[in-house]
Amino acid sequence: MTTKDNDPGWIFKTQDGTEFTFESCMTYPVVKTPIPDTVRSESEDGYITTRPRNTRRRFTFELQFPFMSLEDGVKFEDLDLIVTGTETFKWYNILEDKIYIVRFPQDTRPNYTYETFNYVSIKFSLEEF
């Protein structure tokens, strides 16, 4: 795993300060998609007006950890249980050398696929807060 200059030494960090690191590495591609940030409305006379929804652009990320060791998989499940989809947490994106404040998107949970007796693959999405 390549580290950058600002590497904090963790991949995820919860609000209570619990840090999560994994021996298994994220794989490519990491899909980064802008969240639509324009509000459109149409008036009765047919004019369409638009305005920004937010003052800054936010993103969603699709990530995967294929063939994660079961030990790391249990740690990831602990993270999943702590944040429960409602709390925000920090994610260090090593590809951009940037820390994002994120949460799991509404009605979306990580997907765990047990590949073999010793490995689990995890796919999940994160939404910038």
Protein backbone atom coordinates (compact mmCIF):
# COMPACT_ATOMS: atom_id res chain seq x y z
CA MET A 1 0.00 0.00 0.00
CA THR A 2 1.41 3.36 -0.99
CA THR A 3 1.20 6.12 1.59
CA LYS A 4 1.10 9.83 0.94
CA ASP A 5 2.55 12.79 2.82
CA ASN A 6 -0.65 13.50 4.79
CA ASP A 7 -1.49 9.85 5.60
CA PRO A 8 -3.15 9.90 9.06
CA GLY A 9 -2.46 6.18 9.62
CA TRP A 10 -6.13 5.11 9.41
CA ILE A 11 -8.70 4.57 6.66
CA PHE A 12 -11.89 5.24 8.64
CA LYS A 13 -12.35 7.18 11.89
CA THR A 14 -15.66 7.43 13.76
CA GLN A 15 -16.96 10.45 15.67
CA ASP A 16 -15.90 8.88 18.98
CA GLY A 17 -12.31 8.61 17.69
CA THR A 18 -12.26 4.87 16.95
CA GLU A 19 -9.79 4.28 14.12
CA PHE A 20 -10.01 1.48 11.55
CA THR A 21 -7.11 0.24 9.45
CA PHE A 22 -7.03 -2.85 7.29
CA GLU A 23 -4.26 -5.09 5.98
CA SER A 24 -6.35 -5.64 2.85
CA CYS A 25 -6.26 -2.85 0.29
CA MET A 26 -9.02 -1.10 -1.59
CA THR A 27 -8.99 -1.86 -5.28
CA TYR A 28 -9.58 0.18 -8.37
CA PRO A 29 -11.74 1.56 -9.68
CA VAL A 30 -13.00 3.93 -7.02
CA VAL A 31 -16.04 5.51 -8.65
CA LYS A 32 -16.50 9.17 -7.68
CA THR A 33 -19.82 10.69 -8.78
CA PRO A 34 -21.04 14.25 -8.15
CA ILE A 35 -24.34 14.48 -6.26
CA PRO A 36 -26.81 16.52 -8.35
CA ASP A 37 -26.79 20.00 -6.86
CA THR A 38 -29.19 22.01 -9.01
CA VAL A 39 -32.82 22.79 -8.14
CA ARG A 40 -35.06 23.30 -11.16
CA SER A 41 -38.55 24.74 -11.13
CA GLU A 42 -40.94 25.60 -13.93
CA SER A 43 -43.35 28.51 -13.72
CA GLU A 44 -46.89 28.51 -15.08
CA ASP A 45 -45.84 30.54 -18.10
CA GLY A 46 -43.21 27.94 -19.09
CA TYR A 47 -40.04 29.57 -17.78
CA ILE A 48 -37.54 27.29 -16.08
CA THR A 49 -35.47 28.67 -13.24
CA THR A 50 -32.48 26.99 -11.67
CA ARG A 51 -30.45 27.60 -8.56
CA PRO A 52 -27.70 25.75 -6.71
CA ARG A 53 -28.89 23.43 -3.94
CA ASN A 54 -25.62 23.60 -2.03
CA THR A 55 -22.75 26.04 -1.71
CA ARG A 56 -20.21 23.28 -2.38
CA ARG A 57 -20.11 20.25 -4.61
CA ARG A 58 -20.54 16.89 -2.87
CA PHE A 59 -19.76 13.38 -4.13
CA THR A 60 -20.68 9.74 -3.68
CA PHE A 61 -18.00 7.05 -3.82
CA GLU A 62 -18.32 3.37 -4.71
CA LEU A 63 -15.59 1.28 -3.08
CA GLN A 64 -14.65 -2.36 -2.80
CA PHE A 65 -12.33 -4.51 -0.75
CA PRO A 66 -12.05 -7.83 -2.60
CA PHE A 67 -10.64 -10.82 -0.76
CA MET A 68 -10.41 -9.07 2.60
CA SER A 69 -9.22 -11.34 5.39
CA LEU A 70 -11.97 -12.47 7.76
CA GLU A 71 -10.21 -10.57 10.57
CA ASP A 72 -10.41 -7.33 8.57
CA GLY A 73 -13.99 -8.20 7.55
CA VAL A 74 -14.98 -8.39 11.23
CA LYS A 75 -13.34 -4.99 11.83
CA PHE A 76 -15.31 -3.54 8.92
CA GLU A 77 -18.54 -4.99 10.32
CA ASP A 78 -17.68 -3.27 13.63
CA LEU A 79 -17.43 0.04 11.75
CA ASP A 80 -20.76 -0.71 10.06
CA LEU A 81 -22.38 -1.39 13.46
CA ILE A 82 -20.95 1.75 15.06
CA VAL A 83 -22.06 4.21 12.38
CA THR A 84 -25.39 2.41 11.66
CA GLY A 85 -25.92 4.38 8.46
CA THR A 86 -26.85 7.57 10.32
CA GLU A 87 -23.60 8.85 11.79
CA THR A 88 -20.91 10.56 9.81
CA PHE A 89 -17.32 9.37 9.94
CA LYS A 90 -14.01 10.29 8.35
CA TRP A 91 -12.59 8.44 5.36
CA TYR A 92 -9.02 8.90 4.17
CA ASN A 93 -8.94 8.58 0.39
CA ILE A 94 -5.35 7.57 -0.26
CA LEU A 95 -5.79 8.08 -4.02
CA GLU A 96 -6.46 11.80 -3.57
CA ASP A 97 -4.54 12.16 -0.29
CA LYS A 98 -7.67 13.75 1.17
CA ILE A 99 -9.91 13.19 4.19
CA TYR A 100 -13.67 13.26 3.56
CA ILE A 101 -16.51 13.38 6.09
CA VAL A 102 -18.92 10.71 4.83
CA ARG A 103 -21.79 8.41 5.74
CA PHE A 104 -23.42 5.39 4.16
CA PRO A 105 -26.16 6.59 1.76
CA GLN A 106 -29.78 6.28 2.88
CA ASP A 107 -31.16 2.73 2.52
CA THR A 108 -27.74 1.43 1.41
CA ARG A 109 -25.60 -0.92 3.45
CA PRO A 110 -22.31 -2.66 2.69
CA ASN A 111 -22.59 -5.92 0.75
CA TYR A 112 -20.57 -8.84 2.20
CA THR A 113 -19.73 -11.77 -0.09
CA TYR A 114 -17.86 -14.69 1.48
CA GLU A 115 -15.47 -15.81 -1.27
CA THR A 116 -13.79 -18.68 0.54
CA PHE A 117 -13.40 -19.89 4.09
CA ASN A 118 -10.80 -17.21 4.87
CA TYR A 119 -11.85 -14.23 2.74
CA VAL A 120 -14.76 -11.84 2.33
CA SER A 121 -15.35 -9.24 -0.40
CA ILE A 122 -17.05 -6.02 0.64
CA LYS A 123 -18.67 -3.50 -1.71
CA PHE A 124 -20.19 -0.31 -0.41
CA SER A 125 -20.99 3.32 -1.19
CA LEU A 126 -20.14 6.43 0.76
CA GLU A 127 -21.83 9.82 0.53
CA GLU A 128 -19.94 13.01 1.32
CA PHE A 129 -21.57 14.97 4.13
